Amino acid sequence: MTSTQNIYNMVFRQLQNIFGLDKEEKTLLGNTINDAIERTLDCIHSYANGSDIGSINVLYGDHYVIFLYYLSNCIYHSNFKKSNCLSDKIYLLNKMLFGCDIWGRLSEN
């Protein structure tokens, strides 16, 4: 189980080390992380036969890959100037870590 702050720190460090983040991107990441966590928990809950997960464990690949997709998607739809660039960085991080080609600009429909 991982706290919101721990999830933020992990994603931030990974993105900062690989791509670099500017001040606006750091703020955008902080502003959207809670929405991504909520959507991730809803998704995990639905495939875990309704069991109460409680929080995301970023050491579980299935949790983290879903979270990174939702984070990229939330950021893309936030309509900030830097949202496309940061959304693409998170997409690339997901692709680097898991080989998943799940673009954050895709809609759930």
N, C-alpha and C. Protein backbone atom coordinates (compact mmCIF):
# COMPACT_ATOMS: atom_id res chain seq x y z
N MET A 1 0.84 -1.17 0.00
CA MET A 1 0.00 0.00 0.00
C MET A 1 0.89 1.24 0.00
N THR A 2 0.49 2.21 -0.77
CA THR A 2 1.32 3.39 -0.96
C THR A 2 0.49 4.65 -0.77
N SER A 3 1.02 5.63 -0.07
CA SER A 3 0.31 6.89 0.15
C SER A 3 0.39 7.77 -1.10
N THR A 4 -0.52 8.74 -1.15
CA THR A 4 -0.53 9.67 -2.27
C THR A 4 0.82 10.39 -2.39
N GLN A 5 1.38 10.80 -1.28
CA GLN A 5 2.67 11.50 -1.31
C GLN A 5 3.77 10.59 -1.85
N ASN A 6 3.78 9.33 -1.46
CA ASN A 6 4.79 8.39 -1.96
C ASN A 6 4.64 8.14 -3.45
N ILE A 7 3.39 8.06 -3.91
CA ILE A 7 3.14 7.88 -5.35
C ILE A 7 3.64 9.11 -6.10
N TYR A 8 3.28 10.30 -5.60
CA TYR A 8 3.74 11.54 -6.23
C TYR A 8 5.27 11.57 -6.30
N ASN A 9 5.92 11.28 -5.19
CA ASN A 9 7.38 11.32 -5.15
C ASN A 9 8.01 10.36 -6.14
N MET A 10 7.44 9.16 -6.25
CA MET A 10 8.00 8.16 -7.17
C MET A 10 7.87 8.63 -8.63
N VAL A 11 6.66 9.06 -8.99
CA VAL A 11 6.45 9.53 -10.38
C VAL A 11 7.31 10.75 -10.66
N PHE A 12 7.32 11.69 -9.72
CA PHE A 12 8.11 12.90 -9.90
C PHE A 12 9.58 12.57 -10.14
N ARG A 13 10.16 11.73 -9.29
CA ARG A 13 11.58 11.37 -9.43
C ARG A 13 11.85 10.68 -10.77
N GLN A 14 10.98 9.78 -11.16
CA GLN A 14 11.19 9.09 -12.43
C GLN A 14 11.14 10.07 -13.59
N LEU A 15 10.13 10.93 -13.61
CA LEU A 15 10.00 11.90 -14.69
C LEU A 15 11.14 12.92 -14.67
N GLN A 16 11.50 13.38 -13.49
CA GLN A 16 12.58 14.37 -13.36
C GLN A 16 13.91 13.79 -13.85
N ASN A 17 14.20 12.57 -13.47
CA ASN A 17 15.47 11.95 -13.84
C ASN A 17 15.56 11.62 -15.33
N ILE A 18 14.45 11.23 -15.93
CA ILE A 18 14.49 10.81 -17.33
C ILE A 18 14.28 11.98 -18.28
N PHE A 19 13.29 12.83 -18.00
CA PHE A 19 12.91 13.87 -18.95
C PHE A 19 13.17 15.29 -18.44
N GLY A 20 13.20 15.46 -17.13
CA GLY A 20 13.23 16.80 -16.55
C GLY A 20 11.82 17.37 -16.51
N LEU A 21 11.53 18.15 -15.49
CA LEU A 21 10.23 18.79 -15.35
C LEU A 21 10.43 20.26 -15.01
N ASP A 22 9.63 21.12 -15.61
CA ASP A 22 9.70 22.52 -15.22
C ASP A 22 8.67 22.79 -14.12
N LYS A 23 8.64 24.00 -13.64
CA LYS A 23 7.79 24.35 -12.49
C LYS A 23 6.31 24.12 -12.79
N GLU A 24 5.87 24.50 -13.98
CA GLU A 24 4.46 24.33 -14.35
C GLU A 24 4.09 22.85 -14.42
N GLU A 25 4.99 22.03 -14.93
CA GLU A 25 4.71 20.59 -15.00
C GLU A 25 4.64 19.97 -13.60
N LYS A 26 5.49 20.41 -12.69
CA LYS A 26 5.44 19.92 -11.30
C LYS A 26 4.10 20.26 -10.66
N THR A 27 3.64 21.48 -10.88
CA THR A 27 2.35 21.91 -10.34
C THR A 27 1.21 21.10 -10.95
N LEU A 28 1.25 20.92 -12.24
CA LEU A 28 0.21 20.16 -12.94
C LEU A 28 0.18 18.72 -12.45
N LEU A 29 1.34 18.12 -12.24
CA LEU A 29 1.42 16.76 -11.71
C LEU A 29 0.75 16.69 -10.34
N GLY A 30 1.07 17.63 -9.48
CA GLY A 30 0.47 17.66 -8.14
C GLY A 30 -1.03 17.89 -8.16
N ASN A 31 -1.50 18.69 -9.12
CA ASN A 31 -2.94 19.01 -9.19
C ASN A 31 -3.78 17.87 -9.75
N THR A 32 -3.20 16.95 -10.45
CA THR A 32 -3.98 15.90 -11.12
C THR A 32 -3.80 14.52 -10.49
N ILE A 33 -2.85 14.36 -9.61
CA ILE A 33 -2.53 13.03 -9.10
C ILE A 33 -3.68 12.39 -8.33
N ASN A 34 -4.44 13.18 -7.56
CA ASN A 34 -5.54 12.61 -6.79
C ASN A 34 -6.64 12.04 -7.70
N ASP A 35 -6.94 12.75 -8.80
CA ASP A 35 -7.94 12.24 -9.75
C ASP A 35 -7.47 10.93 -10.37
N ALA A 36 -6.19 10.86 -10.72
CA ALA A 36 -5.65 9.64 -11.32
C ALA A 36 -5.69 8.48 -10.33
N ILE A 37 -5.39 8.75 -9.08
CA ILE A 37 -5.44 7.71 -8.04
C ILE A 37 -6.86 7.20 -7.88
N GLU A 38 -7.82 8.11 -7.83
CA GLU A 38 -9.22 7.72 -7.67
C GLU A 38 -9.69 6.85 -8.84
N ARG A 39 -9.36 7.26 -10.06
CA ARG A 39 -9.76 6.48 -11.24
C ARG A 39 -9.07 5.12 -11.25
N THR A 40 -7.81 5.08 -10.82
CA THR A 40 -7.08 3.82 -10.77
C THR A 40 -7.71 2.87 -9.76
N LEU A 41 -8.05 3.38 -8.60
CA LEU A 41 -8.68 2.54 -7.58
C LEU A 41 -10.02 2.00 -8.05
N ASP A 42 -10.80 2.83 -8.76
CA ASP A 42 -12.07 2.36 -9.32
C ASP A 42 -11.85 1.22 -10.30
N CYS A 43 -10.83 1.36 -11.14
CA CYS A 43 -10.51 0.33 -12.12
C CYS A 43 -10.06 -0.96 -11.44
N ILE A 44 -9.14 -0.85 -10.51
CA ILE A 44 -8.63 -2.02 -9.80
C ILE A 44 -9.76 -2.72 -9.04
N HIS A 45 -10.61 -1.93 -8.42
CA HIS A 45 -11.75 -2.47 -7.69
C HIS A 45 -12.65 -3.30 -8.61
N SER A 46 -12.84 -2.81 -9.84
CA SER A 46 -13.74 -3.52 -10.77
C SER A 46 -13.16 -4.85 -11.24
N TYR A 47 -11.85 -4.98 -11.36
CA TYR A 47 -11.30 -6.26 -11.80
C TYR A 47 -10.86 -7.15 -10.64
N ALA A 48 -10.96 -6.63 -9.41
CA ALA A 48 -10.60 -7.43 -8.24
C ALA A 48 -11.85 -8.01 -7.58
N ASN A 49 -12.89 -8.23 -8.39
CA ASN A 49 -14.14 -8.82 -7.91
C ASN A 49 -14.76 -8.04 -6.77
N GLY A 50 -14.64 -6.73 -6.82
CA GLY A 50 -15.29 -5.87 -5.85
C GLY A 50 -14.62 -5.79 -4.51
N SER A 51 -13.48 -6.45 -4.33
CA SER A 51 -12.81 -6.36 -3.04
C SER A 51 -12.25 -4.95 -2.83
N ASP A 52 -12.25 -4.50 -1.60
CA ASP A 52 -11.79 -3.15 -1.27
C ASP A 52 -10.26 -3.13 -1.27
N ILE A 53 -9.67 -2.46 -2.24
CA ILE A 53 -8.22 -2.39 -2.39
C ILE A 53 -7.62 -1.38 -1.40
N GLY A 54 -8.25 -0.24 -1.24
CA GLY A 54 -7.77 0.76 -0.29
C GLY A 54 -6.77 1.73 -0.87
N SER A 55 -5.68 1.25 -1.44
CA SER A 55 -4.70 2.14 -2.06
C SER A 55 -3.94 1.40 -3.16
N ILE A 56 -3.21 2.17 -3.92
CA ILE A 56 -2.42 1.62 -5.02
C ILE A 56 -1.08 1.17 -4.48
N ASN A 57 -0.62 0.03 -4.93
CA ASN A 57 0.73 -0.42 -4.62
C ASN A 57 1.55 -0.28 -5.89
N VAL A 58 2.43 0.72 -5.92
CA VAL A 58 3.20 1.00 -7.14
C VAL A 58 4.22 -0.09 -7.46
N LEU A 59 4.41 -1.03 -6.53
CA LEU A 59 5.30 -2.15 -6.81
C LEU A 59 4.58 -3.29 -7.52
N TYR A 60 3.25 -3.18 -7.65
CA TYR A 60 2.48 -4.12 -8.44
C TYR A 60 2.37 -3.54 -9.84
N GLY A 61 2.91 -4.23 -10.82
CA GLY A 61 2.92 -3.71 -12.18
C GLY A 61 1.55 -3.37 -12.70
N ASP A 62 0.55 -4.21 -12.40
CA ASP A 62 -0.79 -3.93 -12.91
C ASP A 62 -1.35 -2.65 -12.31
N HIS A 63 -1.05 -2.35 -11.07
CA HIS A 63 -1.50 -1.10 -10.46
C HIS A 63 -0.81 0.10 -11.11
N TYR A 64 0.50 0.01 -11.26
CA TYR A 64 1.27 1.17 -11.72
C TYR A 64 1.03 1.48 -13.19
N VAL A 65 0.87 0.46 -14.02
CA VAL A 65 0.61 0.71 -15.44
C VAL A 65 -0.74 1.40 -15.62
N ILE A 66 -1.74 0.98 -14.86
CA ILE A 66 -3.06 1.60 -14.92
C ILE A 66 -2.98 3.04 -14.41
N PHE A 67 -2.30 3.22 -13.29
CA PHE A 67 -2.15 4.56 -12.72
C PHE A 67 -1.47 5.51 -13.70
N LEU A 68 -0.38 5.09 -14.33
CA LEU A 68 0.33 5.97 -15.26
C LEU A 68 -0.55 6.34 -16.45
N TYR A 69 -1.36 5.39 -16.93
CA TYR A 69 -2.29 5.73 -18.02
C TYR A 69 -3.27 6.80 -17.55
N TYR A 70 -3.91 6.58 -16.39
CA TYR A 70 -4.90 7.54 -15.92
C TYR A 70 -4.26 8.89 -15.61
N LEU A 71 -3.06 8.90 -15.10
CA LEU A 71 -2.37 10.16 -14.83
C LEU A 71 -2.13 10.91 -16.13
N SER A 72 -1.64 10.21 -17.14
CA SER A 72 -1.41 10.83 -18.44
C SER A 72 -2.71 11.37 -19.03
N ASN A 73 -3.79 10.60 -18.90
CA ASN A 73 -5.09 10.98 -19.42
C ASN A 73 -5.65 12.19 -18.67
N CYS A 74 -5.57 12.20 -17.34
CA CYS A 74 -6.06 13.33 -16.55
C CYS A 74 -5.30 14.61 -16.90
N ILE A 75 -4.01 14.49 -17.06
CA ILE A 75 -3.19 15.65 -17.39
C ILE A 75 -3.52 16.15 -18.79
N TYR A 76 -3.67 15.25 -19.74
CA TYR A 76 -4.01 15.67 -21.11
C TYR A 76 -5.31 16.46 -21.13
N HIS A 77 -6.30 16.01 -20.38
CA HIS A 77 -7.61 16.66 -20.39
C HIS A 77 -7.70 17.87 -19.45
N SER A 78 -6.61 18.23 -18.81
CA SER A 78 -6.63 19.36 -17.88
C SER A 78 -6.56 20.71 -18.60
N ASN A 79 -6.15 20.72 -19.86
CA ASN A 79 -6.13 21.93 -20.70
C ASN A 79 -5.16 23.01 -20.25
N PHE A 80 -4.09 22.65 -19.56
CA PHE A 80 -3.03 23.60 -19.27
C PHE A 80 -2.07 23.65 -20.45
N LYS A 81 -1.29 24.71 -20.54
CA LYS A 81 -0.34 24.85 -21.65
C LYS A 81 0.60 23.65 -21.76
N LYS A 82 1.09 23.17 -20.65
CA LYS A 82 2.09 22.11 -20.63
C LYS A 82 1.47 20.71 -20.61
N SER A 83 0.14 20.61 -20.68
CA SER A 83 -0.48 19.30 -20.49
C SER A 83 -0.09 18.29 -21.56
N ASN A 84 0.02 18.70 -22.81
CA ASN A 84 0.39 17.74 -23.86
C ASN A 84 1.78 17.19 -23.65
N CYS A 85 2.72 18.05 -23.32
CA CYS A 85 4.11 17.64 -23.12
C CYS A 85 4.23 16.70 -21.92
N LEU A 86 3.63 17.07 -20.78
CA LEU A 86 3.71 16.23 -19.59
C LEU A 86 2.96 14.92 -19.79
N SER A 87 1.83 14.96 -20.45
CA SER A 87 1.07 13.74 -20.74
C SER A 87 1.92 12.78 -21.59
N ASP A 88 2.63 13.33 -22.57
CA ASP A 88 3.49 12.50 -23.41
C ASP A 88 4.68 11.93 -22.63
N LYS A 89 5.22 12.69 -21.70
CA LYS A 89 6.32 12.19 -20.86
C LYS A 89 5.86 10.99 -20.03
N ILE A 90 4.65 11.08 -19.47
CA ILE A 90 4.13 9.98 -18.66
C ILE A 90 3.83 8.78 -19.54
N TYR A 91 3.30 9.02 -20.72
CA TYR A 91 3.07 7.93 -21.68
C TYR A 91 4.39 7.22 -21.98
N LEU A 92 5.44 7.97 -22.24
CA LEU A 92 6.74 7.37 -22.54
C LEU A 92 7.32 6.63 -21.34
N LEU A 93 7.11 7.16 -20.14
CA LEU A 93 7.55 6.46 -18.93
C LEU A 93 6.86 5.10 -18.82
N ASN A 94 5.56 5.07 -19.05
CA ASN A 94 4.79 3.82 -19.01
C ASN A 94 5.31 2.84 -20.07
N LYS A 95 5.61 3.37 -21.24
CA LYS A 95 6.12 2.52 -22.32
C LYS A 95 7.51 1.98 -21.97
N MET A 96 8.34 2.82 -21.36
CA MET A 96 9.69 2.39 -20.97
C MET A 96 9.64 1.32 -19.87
N LEU A 97 8.78 1.51 -18.89
CA LEU A 97 8.72 0.59 -17.76
C LEU A 97 8.02 -0.73 -18.08
N PHE A 98 6.94 -0.65 -18.87
CA PHE A 98 6.10 -1.83 -19.06
C PHE A 98 5.93 -2.26 -20.51
N GLY A 99 6.45 -1.48 -21.44
CA GLY A 99 6.29 -1.82 -22.85
C GLY A 99 4.86 -1.63 -23.32
N CYS A 100 4.08 -0.86 -22.56
CA CYS A 100 2.66 -0.64 -22.89
C CYS A 100 2.52 0.59 -23.76
N ASP A 101 1.83 0.43 -24.86
CA ASP A 101 1.58 1.54 -25.76
C ASP A 101 0.15 2.03 -25.55
N ILE A 102 -0.07 2.66 -24.38
CA ILE A 102 -1.40 3.15 -24.01
C ILE A 102 -1.31 4.67 -23.93
N TRP A 103 -1.70 5.31 -24.99
CA TRP A 103 -1.57 6.75 -25.10
C TRP A 103 -2.58 7.44 -24.22
N GLY A 104 -2.16 8.41 -23.44
CA GLY A 104 -3.04 9.12 -22.51
C GLY A 104 -4.10 9.96 -23.16
N ARG A 105 -4.00 10.18 -24.46
CA ARG A 105 -5.00 10.98 -25.15
C ARG A 105 -6.21 10.15 -25.58
N LEU A 106 -6.15 8.85 -25.35
CA LEU A 106 -7.29 8.00 -25.66
C LEU A 106 -8.40 8.25 -24.67
N SER A 107 -9.62 8.17 -25.14
CA SER A 107 -10.73 8.32 -24.21
C SER A 107 -11.20 6.94 -23.79
N GLU A 108 -11.98 6.90 -22.74
CA GLU A 108 -12.46 5.62 -22.21
C GLU A 108 -13.69 5.11 -22.96
N ASN A 109 -14.25 5.92 -23.84
CA ASN A 109 -15.48 5.52 -24.56
C ASN A 109 -15.19 4.53 -25.63
